[in-house]
């Protein structure tokens, strides 16, 4: 962990099982289940967690935007669509890279970017 950096992102997940299926299908994420009321998101390649899914939190647009990184934006875009995500902003270029925005089945808005 690094001082003054993002450490953990918690996403609303009114339907915990549906959220786990979506994020597993779209990104290959794994989870630590803590009963029916919370699920930790395992950090890829590590033993700790990078976030959680919380059925008690309200979902929706306008909340802090979580931005994920991808080595292959087009493959990630296809994975999000195949998993049932709704693309809200098609891939666009910006100085230094490309990104797109999507909502998960609960309505949380996220973005994914890649370097140019």
PDB file of N, CA and C in Angstrom:
ATOM      1  N   UNK A   1       0.835  -1.175   0.000  1.00  0.00           N
ATOM      2  CA  UNK A   1       0.000   0.000   0.000  1.00  0.00           C
ATOM      3  C   UNK A   1       0.879   1.238   0.000  1.00  0.00           C
ATOM      4  N   UNK A   2       0.387   2.287  -0.640  1.00  0.00           N
ATOM      5  CA  UNK A   2       1.140   3.524  -0.724  1.00  0.00           C
ATOM      6  C   UNK A   2       0.352   4.651  -0.088  1.00  0.00           C
ATOM      7  N   UNK A   3       1.064   5.506   0.629  1.00  0.00           N
ATOM      8  CA  UNK A   3       0.473   6.658   1.303  1.00  0.00           C
ATOM      9  C   UNK A   3      -0.232   7.573   0.303  1.00  0.00           C
ATOM     10  N   UNK A   4      -1.448   7.980   0.629  1.00  0.00           N
ATOM     11  CA  UNK A   4      -2.252   8.921  -0.158  1.00  0.00           C
ATOM     12  C   UNK A   4      -2.627   8.399  -1.534  1.00  0.00           C
ATOM     13  N   UNK A   5      -2.799   7.106  -1.688  1.00  0.00           N
ATOM     14  CA  UNK A   5      -3.276   6.540  -2.948  1.00  0.00           C
ATOM     15  C   UNK A   5      -4.561   5.760  -2.694  1.00  0.00           C
ATOM     16  N   UNK A   6      -5.305   5.483  -3.735  1.00  0.00           N
ATOM     17  CA  UNK A   6      -6.507   4.675  -3.587  1.00  0.00           C
ATOM     18  C   UNK A   6      -6.113   3.289  -3.107  1.00  0.00           C
ATOM     19  N   UNK A   7      -6.870   2.783  -2.150  1.00  0.00           N
ATOM     20  CA  UNK A   7      -6.557   1.489  -1.574  1.00  0.00           C
ATOM     21  C   UNK A   7      -7.684   0.482  -1.761  1.00  0.00           C
ATOM     22  N   UNK A   8      -8.930   0.947  -1.788  1.00  0.00           N
ATOM     23  CA  UNK A   8     -10.068   0.032  -1.772  1.00  0.00           C
ATOM     24  C   UNK A   8     -11.266   0.760  -2.379  1.00  0.00           C
ATOM     25  N   UNK A   9     -11.978   0.124  -3.269  1.00  0.00           N
ATOM     26  CA  UNK A   9     -13.175   0.695  -3.879  1.00  0.00           C
ATOM     27  C   UNK A   9     -14.342  -0.220  -3.539  1.00  0.00           C
ATOM     28  N   UNK A  10     -15.405   0.349  -2.996  1.00  0.00           N
ATOM     29  CA  UNK A  10     -16.591  -0.436  -2.659  1.00  0.00           C
ATOM     30  C   UNK A  10     -17.715  -0.062  -3.608  1.00  0.00           C
ATOM     31  N   UNK A  11     -18.266  -1.068  -4.281  1.00  0.00           N
ATOM     32  CA  UNK A  11     -19.353  -0.869  -5.234  1.00  0.00           C
ATOM     33  C   UNK A  11     -20.675  -1.349  -4.651  1.00  0.00           C
ATOM     34  N   UNK A  12     -21.729  -0.634  -4.968  1.00  0.00           N
ATOM     35  CA  UNK A  12     -23.064  -1.075  -4.576  1.00  0.00           C
ATOM     36  C   UNK A  12     -23.405  -2.344  -5.355  1.00  0.00           C
ATOM     37  N   UNK A  13     -24.067  -3.275  -4.692  1.00  0.00           N
ATOM     38  CA  UNK A  13     -24.427  -4.547  -5.320  1.00  0.00           C
ATOM     39  C   UNK A  13     -25.743  -5.040  -4.734  1.00  0.00           C
ATOM     40  N   UNK A  14     -26.873  -4.410  -5.114  1.00  0.00           N
ATOM     41  CA  UNK A  14     -28.160  -4.843  -4.560  1.00  0.00           C
ATOM     42  C   UNK A  14     -28.423  -6.338  -4.744  1.00  0.00           C
ATOM     43  N   UNK A  15     -27.939  -6.906  -5.865  1.00  0.00           N
ATOM     44  CA  UNK A  15     -28.010  -8.348  -6.094  1.00  0.00           C
ATOM     45  C   UNK A  15     -26.570  -8.849  -6.107  1.00  0.00           C
ATOM     46  N   UNK A  16     -26.095  -9.310  -4.965  1.00  0.00           N
ATOM     47  CA  UNK A  16     -24.695  -9.690  -4.796  1.00  0.00           C
ATOM     48  C   UNK A  16     -24.275 -10.773  -5.787  1.00  0.00           C
ATOM     49  N   UNK A  17     -25.089 -11.798  -5.974  1.00  0.00           N
ATOM     50  CA  UNK A  17     -24.746 -12.899  -6.883  1.00  0.00           C
ATOM     51  C   UNK A  17     -24.641 -12.398  -8.325  1.00  0.00           C
ATOM     52  N   UNK A  18     -25.550 -11.521  -8.739  1.00  0.00           N
ATOM     53  CA  UNK A  18     -25.506 -10.982 -10.103  1.00  0.00           C
ATOM     54  C   UNK A  18     -24.258 -10.123 -10.301  1.00  0.00           C
ATOM     55  N   UNK A  19     -23.884  -9.346  -9.292  1.00  0.00           N
ATOM     56  CA  UNK A  19     -22.677  -8.517  -9.384  1.00  0.00           C
ATOM     57  C   UNK A  19     -21.434  -9.393  -9.504  1.00  0.00           C
ATOM     58  N   UNK A  20     -21.369 -10.454  -8.710  1.00  0.00           N
ATOM     59  CA  UNK A  20     -20.216 -11.356  -8.789  1.00  0.00           C
ATOM     60  C   UNK A  20     -20.125 -12.005 -10.169  1.00  0.00           C
ATOM     61  N   UNK A  21     -21.258 -12.462 -10.709  1.00  0.00           N
ATOM     62  CA  UNK A  21     -21.259 -13.066 -12.047  1.00  0.00           C
ATOM     63  C   UNK A  21     -20.763 -12.069 -13.088  1.00  0.00           C
ATOM     64  N   UNK A  22     -21.289 -10.827 -13.036  1.00  0.00           N
ATOM     65  CA  UNK A  22     -20.905  -9.806 -14.007  1.00  0.00           C
ATOM     66  C   UNK A  22     -19.398  -9.554 -13.957  1.00  0.00           C
ATOM     67  N   UNK A  23     -18.844  -9.273 -12.788  1.00  0.00           N
ATOM     68  CA  UNK A  23     -17.433  -8.923 -12.685  1.00  0.00           C
ATOM     69  C   UNK A  23     -16.517 -10.115 -12.945  1.00  0.00           C
ATOM     70  N   UNK A  24     -16.963 -11.321 -12.649  1.00  0.00           N
ATOM     71  CA  UNK A  24     -16.200 -12.508 -13.015  1.00  0.00           C
ATOM     72  C   UNK A  24     -16.200 -12.674 -14.530  1.00  0.00           C
ATOM     73  N   UNK A  25     -17.375 -12.576 -15.152  1.00  0.00           N
ATOM     74  CA  UNK A  25     -17.483 -12.741 -16.603  1.00  0.00           C
ATOM     75  C   UNK A  25     -16.751 -11.637 -17.367  1.00  0.00           C
ATOM     76  N   UNK A  26     -16.865 -10.393 -16.917  1.00  0.00           N
ATOM     77  CA  UNK A  26     -16.269  -9.267 -17.638  1.00  0.00           C
ATOM     78  C   UNK A  26     -14.770  -9.141 -17.418  1.00  0.00           C
ATOM     79  N   UNK A  27     -14.297  -9.378 -16.183  1.00  0.00           N
ATOM     80  CA  UNK A  27     -12.909  -9.107 -15.858  1.00  0.00           C
ATOM     81  C   UNK A  27     -12.151 -10.269 -15.229  1.00  0.00           C
ATOM     82  N   UNK A  28     -12.832 -11.381 -14.954  1.00  0.00           N
ATOM     83  CA  UNK A  28     -12.176 -12.522 -14.331  1.00  0.00           C
ATOM     84  C   UNK A  28     -11.875 -12.329 -12.857  1.00  0.00           C
ATOM     85  N   UNK A  29     -12.618 -11.443 -12.182  1.00  0.00           N
ATOM     86  CA  UNK A  29     -12.382 -11.174 -10.767  1.00  0.00           C
ATOM     87  C   UNK A  29     -12.825 -12.352  -9.909  1.00  0.00           C
ATOM     88  N   UNK A  30     -12.170 -12.514  -8.772  1.00  0.00           N
ATOM     89  CA  UNK A  30     -12.533 -13.510  -7.764  1.00  0.00           C
ATOM     90  C   UNK A  30     -12.936 -12.784  -6.493  1.00  0.00           C
ATOM     91  N   UNK A  31     -13.639 -13.486  -5.623  1.00  0.00           N
ATOM     92  CA  UNK A  31     -14.236 -12.840  -4.459  1.00  0.00           C
ATOM     93  C   UNK A  31     -13.999 -13.627  -3.178  1.00  0.00           C
ATOM     94  N   UNK A  32     -13.971 -12.912  -2.075  1.00  0.00           N
ATOM     95  CA  UNK A  32     -13.998 -13.495  -0.736  1.00  0.00           C
ATOM     96  C   UNK A  32     -15.380 -13.221  -0.183  1.00  0.00           C
ATOM     97  N   UNK A  33     -16.158 -14.264   0.017  1.00  0.00           N
ATOM     98  CA  UNK A  33     -17.512 -14.090   0.528  1.00  0.00           C
ATOM     99  C   UNK A  33     -17.497 -13.984   2.047  1.00  0.00           C
ATOM    100  N   UNK A  34     -18.202 -12.973   2.548  1.00  0.00           N
ATOM    101  CA  UNK A  34     -18.338 -12.766   3.987  1.00  0.00           C
ATOM    102  C   UNK A  34     -19.807 -12.902   4.381  1.00  0.00           C
ATOM    103  N   UNK A  35     -20.464 -13.911   3.845  1.00  0.00           N
ATOM    104  CA  UNK A  35     -21.884 -14.104   4.092  1.00  0.00           C
ATOM    105  C   UNK A  35     -22.714 -13.406   3.030  1.00  0.00           C
ATOM    106  N   UNK A  36     -24.024 -13.302   3.258  1.00  0.00           N
ATOM    107  CA  UNK A  36     -24.916 -12.734   2.237  1.00  0.00           C
ATOM    108  C   UNK A  36     -24.865 -11.208   2.159  1.00  0.00           C
ATOM    109  N   UNK A  37     -24.105 -10.566   3.053  1.00  0.00           N
ATOM    110  CA  UNK A  37     -24.145  -9.113   3.123  1.00  0.00           C
ATOM    111  C   UNK A  37     -22.890  -8.411   2.635  1.00  0.00           C
ATOM    112  N   UNK A  38     -21.881  -9.156   2.157  1.00  0.00           N
ATOM    113  CA  UNK A  38     -20.670  -8.491   1.676  1.00  0.00           C
ATOM    114  C   UNK A  38     -19.780  -9.485   0.948  1.00  0.00           C
ATOM    115  N   UNK A  39     -19.085  -8.993  -0.062  1.00  0.00           N
ATOM    116  CA  UNK A  39     -18.127  -9.814  -0.790  1.00  0.00           C
ATOM    117  C   UNK A  39     -16.908  -8.961  -1.117  1.00  0.00           C
ATOM    118  N   UNK A  40     -15.731  -9.418  -0.710  1.00  0.00           N
ATOM    119  CA  UNK A  40     -14.501  -8.709  -1.030  1.00  0.00           C
ATOM    120  C   UNK A  40     -14.027  -9.062  -2.422  1.00  0.00           C
ATOM    121  N   UNK A  41     -13.452  -8.086  -3.129  1.00  0.00           N
ATOM    122  CA  UNK A  41     -12.902  -8.310  -4.471  1.00  0.00           C
ATOM    123  C   UNK A  41     -11.406  -8.572  -4.307  1.00  0.00           C
ATOM    124  N   UNK A  42     -10.965  -9.763  -4.691  1.00  0.00           N
ATOM    125  CA  UNK A  42      -9.564 -10.126  -4.543  1.00  0.00           C
ATOM    126  C   UNK A  42      -8.698  -9.354  -5.537  1.00  0.00           C
ATOM    127  N   UNK A  43      -7.542  -8.913  -5.084  1.00  0.00           N
ATOM    128  CA  UNK A  43      -6.580  -8.244  -5.963  1.00  0.00           C
ATOM    129  C   UNK A  43      -5.972  -9.304  -6.884  1.00  0.00           C
ATOM    130  N   UNK A  44      -6.008  -9.101  -8.215  1.00  0.00           N
ATOM    131  CA  UNK A  44      -5.423 -10.086  -9.127  1.00  0.00           C
ATOM    132  C   UNK A  44      -3.965 -10.371  -8.782  1.00  0.00           C
ATOM    133  N   UNK A  45      -3.628 -11.639  -8.673  1.00  0.00           N
ATOM    134  CA  UNK A  45      -2.265 -12.047  -8.394  1.00  0.00           C
ATOM    135  C   UNK A  45      -1.812 -11.813  -6.968  1.00  0.00           C
ATOM    136  N   UNK A  46      -2.738 -11.439  -6.096  1.00  0.00           N
ATOM    137  CA  UNK A  46      -2.347 -11.161  -4.720  1.00  0.00           C
ATOM    138  C   UNK A  46      -3.253 -11.834  -3.725  1.00  0.00           C
ATOM    139  N   UNK A  47      -2.886 -11.702  -2.477  1.00  0.00           N
ATOM    140  CA  UNK A  47      -3.665 -12.323  -1.421  1.00  0.00           C
ATOM    141  C   UNK A  47      -4.630 -11.349  -0.756  1.00  0.00           C
ATOM    142  N   UNK A  48      -4.480 -10.060  -1.052  1.00  0.00           N
ATOM    143  CA  UNK A  48      -5.332  -9.079  -0.384  1.00  0.00           C
ATOM    144  C   UNK A  48      -6.494  -8.665  -1.288  1.00  0.00           C
ATOM    145  N   UNK A  49      -7.230  -7.693  -0.843  1.00  0.00           N
ATOM    146  CA  UNK A  49      -8.409  -7.235  -1.591  1.00  0.00           C
ATOM    147  C   UNK A  49      -8.208  -5.817  -2.096  1.00  0.00           C
ATOM    148  N   UNK A  50      -8.864  -5.527  -3.228  1.00  0.00           N
ATOM    149  CA  UNK A  50      -8.805  -4.192  -3.814  1.00  0.00           C
ATOM    150  C   UNK A  50     -10.136  -3.473  -3.682  1.00  0.00           C
ATOM    151  N   UNK A  51     -11.153  -4.172  -3.211  1.00  0.00           N
ATOM    152  CA  UNK A  51     -12.463  -3.555  -3.085  1.00  0.00           C
ATOM    153  C   UNK A  51     -13.489  -4.540  -2.574  1.00  0.00           C
ATOM    154  N   UNK A  52     -14.749  -4.105  -2.628  1.00  0.00           N
ATOM    155  CA  UNK A  52     -15.820  -4.953  -2.149  1.00  0.00           C
ATOM    156  C   UNK A  52     -17.128  -4.662  -2.846  1.00  0.00           C
ATOM    157  N   UNK A  53     -18.049  -5.608  -2.731  1.00  0.00           N
ATOM    158  CA  UNK A  53     -19.420  -5.467  -3.233  1.00  0.00           C
ATOM    159  C   UNK A  53     -20.335  -5.429  -2.016  1.00  0.00           C
ATOM    160  N   UNK A  54     -21.135  -4.374  -1.914  1.00  0.00           N
ATOM    161  CA  UNK A  54     -21.957  -4.163  -0.728  1.00  0.00           C
ATOM    162  C   UNK A  54     -23.424  -4.025  -1.123  1.00  0.00           C
ATOM    163  N   UNK A  55     -24.279  -5.010  -0.774  1.00  0.00           N
ATOM    164  CA  UNK A  55     -25.688  -4.936  -1.122  1.00  0.00           C
ATOM    165  C   UNK A  55     -26.443  -3.821  -0.400  1.00  0.00           C
ATOM    166  N   UNK A  56     -25.884  -3.277   0.661  1.00  0.00           N
ATOM    167  CA  UNK A  56     -26.576  -2.236   1.429  1.00  0.00           C
ATOM    168  C   UNK A  56     -26.351  -0.833   0.870  1.00  0.00           C
ATOM    169  N   UNK A  57     -25.397  -0.655  -0.035  1.00  0.00           N
ATOM    170  CA  UNK A  57     -25.094   0.669  -0.585  1.00  0.00           C
ATOM    171  C   UNK A  57     -25.985   0.965  -1.781  1.00  0.00           C
ATOM    172  N   UNK A  58     -26.409   2.211  -1.955  1.00  0.00           N
ATOM    173  CA  UNK A  58     -27.204   2.566  -3.134  1.00  0.00           C
ATOM    174  C   UNK A  58     -26.322   2.624  -4.381  1.00  0.00           C
ATOM    175  N   UNK A  59     -26.837   2.125  -5.498  1.00  0.00           N
ATOM    176  CA  UNK A  59     -26.113   2.148  -6.771  1.00  0.00           C
ATOM    177  C   UNK A  59     -26.597   3.314  -7.612  1.00  0.00           C
ATOM    178  N   UNK A  60     -25.848   3.619  -8.654  1.00  0.00           N
ATOM    179  CA  UNK A  60     -26.308   4.603  -9.613  1.00  0.00           C
ATOM    180  C   UNK A  60     -25.206   5.499 -10.128  1.00  0.00           C
ATOM    181  N   UNK A  61     -25.555   6.239 -11.168  1.00  0.00           N
ATOM    182  CA  UNK A  61     -24.619   7.179 -11.774  1.00  0.00           C
ATOM    183  C   UNK A  61     -24.442   8.386 -10.853  1.00  0.00           C
ATOM    184  N   UNK A  62     -23.369   9.130 -11.059  1.00  0.00           N
ATOM    185  CA  UNK A  62     -23.128  10.336 -10.295  1.00  0.00           C
ATOM    186  C   UNK A  62     -22.331  10.112  -9.031  1.00  0.00           C
ATOM    187  N   UNK A  63     -22.022   8.876  -8.725  1.00  0.00           N
ATOM    188  CA  UNK A  63     -21.191   8.564  -7.567  1.00  0.00           C
ATOM    189  C   UNK A  63     -19.732   8.641  -8.007  1.00  0.00           C
ATOM    190  N   UNK A  64     -18.765   8.499  -7.133  1.00  0.00           N
ATOM    191  CA  UNK A  64     -17.377   8.553  -7.598  1.00  0.00           C
ATOM    192  C   UNK A  64     -17.140   7.586  -8.750  1.00  0.00           C
ATOM    193  N   UNK A  65     -16.428   8.051  -9.767  1.00  0.00           N
ATOM    194  CA  UNK A  65     -16.168   7.233 -10.948  1.00  0.00           C
ATOM    195  C   UNK A  65     -14.949   6.360 -10.708  1.00  0.00           C
ATOM    196  N   UNK A  66     -15.134   5.059 -10.776  1.00  0.00           N
ATOM    197  CA  UNK A  66     -14.050   4.096 -10.666  1.00  0.00           C
ATOM    198  C   UNK A  66     -13.518   3.863 -12.076  1.00  0.00           C
ATOM    199  N   UNK A  67     -12.206   4.011 -12.250  1.00  0.00           N
ATOM    200  CA  UNK A  67     -11.601   3.818 -13.565  1.00  0.00           C
ATOM    201  C   UNK A  67     -10.613   2.659 -13.469  1.00  0.00           C
ATOM    202  N   UNK A  68     -10.845   1.639 -14.303  1.00  0.00           N
ATOM    203  CA  UNK A  68      -9.996   0.460 -14.364  1.00  0.00           C
ATOM    204  C   UNK A  68      -9.023   0.603 -15.523  1.00  0.00           C
ATOM    205  N   UNK A  69      -7.900  -0.096 -15.465  1.00  0.00           N
ATOM    206  CA  UNK A  69      -6.930  -0.086 -16.554  1.00  0.00           C
ATOM    207  C   UNK A  69      -7.033  -1.393 -17.327  1.00  0.00           C
ATOM    208  N   UNK A  70      -6.794  -1.343 -18.648  1.00  0.00           N
ATOM    209  CA  UNK A  70      -6.785  -2.536 -19.482  1.00  0.00           C
ATOM    210  C   UNK A  70      -5.590  -2.500 -20.426  1.00  0.00           C
ATOM    211  N   UNK A  71      -4.943  -3.641 -20.610  1.00  0.00           N
ATOM    212  CA  UNK A  71      -3.893  -3.752 -21.617  1.00  0.00           C
ATOM    213  C   UNK A  71      -4.486  -3.858 -23.016  1.00  0.00           C
ATOM    214  N   UNK A  72      -5.751  -4.280 -23.135  1.00  0.00           N
ATOM    215  CA  UNK A  72      -6.426  -4.456 -24.426  1.00  0.00           C
ATOM    216  C   UNK A  72      -7.857  -3.932 -24.297  1.00  0.00           C
ATOM    217  N   UNK A  73      -8.032  -2.654 -24.583  1.00  0.00           N
ATOM    218  CA  UNK A  73      -9.318  -1.996 -24.367  1.00  0.00           C
ATOM    219  C   UNK A  73     -10.440  -2.644 -25.167  1.00  0.00           C
ATOM    220  N   UNK A  74     -10.162  -3.027 -26.415  1.00  0.00           N
ATOM    221  CA  UNK A  74     -11.215  -3.614 -27.244  1.00  0.00           C
ATOM    222  C   UNK A  74     -11.675  -4.965 -26.705  1.00  0.00           C
ATOM    223  N   UNK A  75     -10.748  -5.768 -26.217  1.00  0.00           N
ATOM    224  CA  UNK A  75     -11.124  -7.055 -25.622  1.00  0.00           C
ATOM    225  C   UNK A  75     -11.919  -6.829 -24.336  1.00  0.00           C
ATOM    226  N   UNK A  76     -11.521  -5.834 -23.539  1.00  0.00           N
ATOM    227  CA  UNK A  76     -12.251  -5.532 -22.309  1.00  0.00           C
ATOM    228  C   UNK A  76     -13.652  -5.035 -22.637  1.00  0.00           C
ATOM    229  N   UNK A  77     -13.783  -4.195 -23.643  1.00  0.00           N
ATOM    230  CA  UNK A  77     -15.090  -3.709 -24.090  1.00  0.00           C
ATOM    231  C   UNK A  77     -15.989  -4.889 -24.480  1.00  0.00           C
ATOM    232  N   UNK A  78     -15.441  -5.820 -25.240  1.00  0.00           N
ATOM    233  CA  UNK A  78     -16.214  -7.010 -25.640  1.00  0.00           C
ATOM    234  C   UNK A  78     -16.610  -7.830 -24.420  1.00  0.00           C
ATOM    235  N   UNK A  79     -15.714  -7.958 -23.445  1.00  0.00           N
ATOM    236  CA  UNK A  79     -16.024  -8.711 -22.233  1.00  0.00           C
ATOM    237  C   UNK A  79     -17.119  -8.063 -21.410  1.00  0.00           C
ATOM    238  N   UNK A  80     -17.090  -6.737 -21.309  1.00  0.00           N
ATOM    239  CA  UNK A  80     -18.137  -6.017 -20.573  1.00  0.00           C
ATOM    240  C   UNK A  80     -19.487  -6.230 -21.253  1.00  0.00           C
ATOM    241  N   UNK A  81     -19.521  -6.103 -22.570  1.00  0.00           N
ATOM    242  CA  UNK A  81     -20.784  -6.310 -23.303  1.00  0.00           C
ATOM    243  C   UNK A  81     -21.279  -7.745 -23.146  1.00  0.00           C
ATOM    244  N   UNK A  82     -20.377  -8.710 -23.289  1.00  0.00           N
ATOM    245  CA  UNK A  82     -20.768 -10.125 -23.187  1.00  0.00           C
ATOM    246  C   UNK A  82     -21.288 -10.471 -21.798  1.00  0.00           C
ATOM    247  N   UNK A  83     -20.775  -9.779 -20.783  1.00  0.00           N
ATOM    248  CA  UNK A  83     -21.203 -10.048 -19.413  1.00  0.00           C
ATOM    249  C   UNK A  83     -22.515  -9.342 -19.061  1.00  0.00           C
ATOM    250  N   UNK A  84     -23.021  -8.495 -19.953  1.00  0.00           N
ATOM    251  CA  UNK A  84     -24.286  -7.817 -19.694  1.00  0.00           C
ATOM    252  C   UNK A  84     -24.156  -6.377 -19.263  1.00  0.00           C
ATOM    253  N   UNK A  85     -22.946  -5.803 -19.351  1.00  0.00           N
ATOM    254  CA  UNK A  85     -22.782  -4.394 -19.030  1.00  0.00           C
ATOM    255  C   UNK A  85     -23.351  -3.527 -20.143  1.00  0.00           C
ATOM    256  N   UNK A  86     -23.765  -2.312 -19.802  1.00  0.00           N
ATOM    257  CA  UNK A  86     -24.304  -1.381 -20.797  1.00  0.00           C
ATOM    258  C   UNK A  86     -23.285  -0.271 -21.006  1.00  0.00           C
ATOM    259  N   UNK A  87     -22.767  -0.171 -22.231  1.00  0.00           N
ATOM    260  CA  UNK A  87     -21.775   0.850 -22.552  1.00  0.00           C
ATOM    261  C   UNK A  87     -22.495   2.187 -22.660  1.00  0.00           C
ATOM    262  N   UNK A  88     -22.077   3.155 -21.845  1.00  0.00           N
ATOM    263  CA  UNK A  88     -22.711   4.476 -21.834  1.00  0.00           C
ATOM    264  C   UNK A  88     -21.910   5.503 -22.625  1.00  0.00           C
ATOM    265  N   UNK A  89     -20.622   5.263 -22.800  1.00  0.00           N
ATOM    266  CA  UNK A  89     -19.766   6.090 -23.664  1.00  0.00           C
ATOM    267  C   UNK A  89     -18.850   5.145 -24.414  1.00  0.00           C
ATOM    268  N   UNK A  90     -19.005   5.132 -25.736  1.00  0.00           N
ATOM    269  CA  UNK A  90     -18.159   4.283 -26.571  1.00  0.00           C
ATOM    270  C   UNK A  90     -16.701   4.730 -26.415  1.00  0.00           C
ATOM    271  N   UNK A  91     -15.749   3.877 -26.788  1.00  0.00           N
ATOM    272  CA  UNK A  91     -14.346   4.255 -26.654  1.00  0.00           C
ATOM    273  C   UNK A  91     -14.045   5.592 -27.334  1.00  0.00           C
ATOM    274  N   UNK A  92     -13.289   6.420 -26.633  1.00  0.00           N
ATOM    275  CA  UNK A  92     -12.882   7.715 -27.165  1.00  0.00           C
ATOM    276  C   UNK A  92     -11.424   7.953 -26.813  1.00  0.00           C
ATOM    277  N   UNK A  93     -10.778   8.788 -27.615  1.00  0.00           N
ATOM    278  CA  UNK A  93      -9.378   9.109 -27.379  1.00  0.00           C
ATOM    279  C   UNK A  93      -9.262  10.355 -26.530  1.00  0.00           C
ATOM    280  N   UNK A  94      -8.228  10.387 -25.724  1.00  0.00           N
ATOM    281  CA  UNK A  94      -7.873  11.563 -24.948  1.00  0.00           C
ATOM    282  C   UNK A  94      -6.356  11.609 -24.920  1.00  0.00           C
ATOM    283  N   UNK A  95      -5.747  12.730 -24.558  1.00  0.00           N
ATOM    284  CA  UNK A  95      -4.285  12.778 -24.542  1.00  0.00           C
ATOM    285  C   UNK A  95      -3.710  11.668 -23.659  1.00  0.00           C
ATOM    286  N   UNK A  96      -2.979  10.779 -24.272  1.00  0.00           N
ATOM    287  CA  UNK A  96      -2.353   9.700 -23.525  1.00  0.00           C
ATOM    288  C   UNK A  96      -3.051   8.357 -23.608  1.00  0.00           C
ATOM    289  N   UNK A  97      -4.257   8.298 -24.190  1.00  0.00           N
ATOM    290  CA  UNK A  97      -4.910   7.001 -24.254  1.00  0.00           C
ATOM    291  C   UNK A  97      -6.314   7.011 -24.815  1.00  0.00           C
ATOM    292  N   UNK A  98      -7.032   5.923 -24.503  1.00  0.00           N
ATOM    293  CA  UNK A  98      -8.431   5.743 -24.894  1.00  0.00           C
ATOM    294  C   UNK A  98      -9.179   5.205 -23.687  1.00  0.00           C
ATOM    295  N   UNK A  99     -10.500   5.456 -23.647  1.00  0.00           N
ATOM    296  CA  UNK A  99     -11.308   4.879 -22.584  1.00  0.00           C
ATOM    297  C   UNK A  99     -12.761   4.788 -23.008  1.00  0.00           C
ATOM    298  N   UNK A 100     -13.523   3.989 -22.251  1.00  0.00           N
ATOM    299  CA  UNK A 100     -14.974   3.908 -22.407  1.00  0.00           C
ATOM    300  C   UNK A 100     -15.599   3.846 -21.029  1.00  0.00           C
ATOM    301  N   UNK A 101     -16.914   4.146 -20.981  1.00  0.00           N
ATOM    302  CA  UNK A 101     -17.668   4.088 -19.737  1.00  0.00           C
ATOM    303  C   UNK A 101     -18.767   3.050 -19.890  1.00  0.00           C
ATOM    304  N   UNK A 102     -19.150   2.434 -18.770  1.00  0.00           N
ATOM    305  CA  UNK A 102     -20.230   1.447 -18.786  1.00  0.00           C
ATOM    306  C   UNK A 102     -20.931   1.441 -17.442  1.00  0.00           C
ATOM    307  N   UNK A 103     -22.120   0.845 -17.420  1.00  0.00           N
ATOM    308  CA  UNK A 103     -22.798   0.587 -16.157  1.00  0.00           C
ATOM    309  C   UNK A 103     -22.900  -0.923 -15.978  1.00  0.00           C
ATOM    310  N   UNK A 104     -22.765  -1.330 -14.716  1.00  0.00           N
ATOM    311  CA  UNK A 104     -22.928  -2.743 -14.395  1.00  0.00           C
ATOM    312  C   UNK A 104     -24.414  -3.027 -14.190  1.00  0.00           C
ATOM    313  N   UNK A 105     -24.803  -4.275 -13.936  1.00  0.00           N
ATOM    314  CA  UNK A 105     -26.227  -4.588 -13.788  1.00  0.00           C
ATOM    315  C   UNK A 105     -26.929  -3.828 -12.663  1.00  0.00           C
ATOM    316  N   UNK A 106     -26.198  -3.354 -11.657  1.00  0.00           N
ATOM    317  CA  UNK A 106     -26.816  -2.605 -10.561  1.00  0.00           C
ATOM    318  C   UNK A 106     -26.966  -1.123 -10.887  1.00  0.00           C
ATOM    319  N   UNK A 107     -26.323  -0.653 -11.974  1.00  0.00           N
ATOM    320  CA  UNK A 107     -26.388   0.751 -12.344  1.00  0.00           C
ATOM    321  C   UNK A 107     -25.167   1.558 -11.950  1.00  0.00           C
ATOM    322  N   UNK A 108     -24.143   0.926 -11.355  1.00  0.00           N
ATOM    323  CA  UNK A 108     -22.898   1.627 -11.050  1.00  0.00           C
ATOM    324  C   UNK A 108     -22.195   1.979 -12.351  1.00  0.00           C
ATOM    325  N   UNK A 109     -21.720   3.215 -12.481  1.00  0.00           N
ATOM    326  CA  UNK A 109     -20.962   3.610 -13.665  1.00  0.00           C
ATOM    327  C   UNK A 109     -19.470   3.497 -13.382  1.00  0.00           C
ATOM    328  N   UNK A 110     -18.759   2.839 -14.287  1.00  0.00           N
ATOM    329  CA  UNK A 110     -17.315   2.696 -14.223  1.00  0.00           C
ATOM    330  C   UNK A 110     -16.735   3.069 -15.583  1.00  0.00           C
ATOM    331  N   UNK A 111     -15.424   3.211 -15.647  1.00  0.00           N
ATOM    332  CA  UNK A 111     -14.731   3.467 -16.907  1.00  0.00           C
ATOM    333  C   UNK A 111     -13.528   2.536 -16.973  1.00  0.00           C
ATOM    334  N   UNK A 112     -13.057   2.312 -18.198  1.00  0.00           N
ATOM    335  CA  UNK A 112     -11.856   1.528 -18.431  1.00  0.00           C
ATOM    336  C   UNK A 112     -10.984   2.310 -19.404  1.00  0.00           C
ATOM    337  N   UNK A 113      -9.679   2.377 -19.137  1.00  0.00           N
ATOM    338  CA  UNK A 113      -8.795   3.108 -20.024  1.00  0.00           C
ATOM    339  C   UNK A 113      -7.568   2.281 -20.369  1.00  0.00           C
ATOM    340  N   UNK A 114      -6.873   2.712 -21.432  1.00  0.00           N
ATOM    341  CA  UNK A 114      -5.602   2.124 -21.839  1.00  0.00           C
ATOM    342  C   UNK A 114      -4.695   3.239 -22.338  1.00  0.00           C
ATOM    343  N   UNK A 115      -3.392   2.992 -22.287  1.00  0.00           N
ATOM    344  CA  UNK A 115      -2.430   3.982 -22.800  1.00  0.00           C
ATOM    345  C   UNK A 115      -2.493   4.034 -24.323  1.00  0.00           C
ATOM    346  N   UNK A 116      -2.084   5.186 -24.867  1.00  0.00           N
ATOM    347  CA  UNK A 116      -2.045   5.358 -26.332  1.00  0.00           C
ATOM    348  C   UNK A 116      -0.954   4.514 -26.924  1.00  0.00           C
TER     349      UNK A 116
END
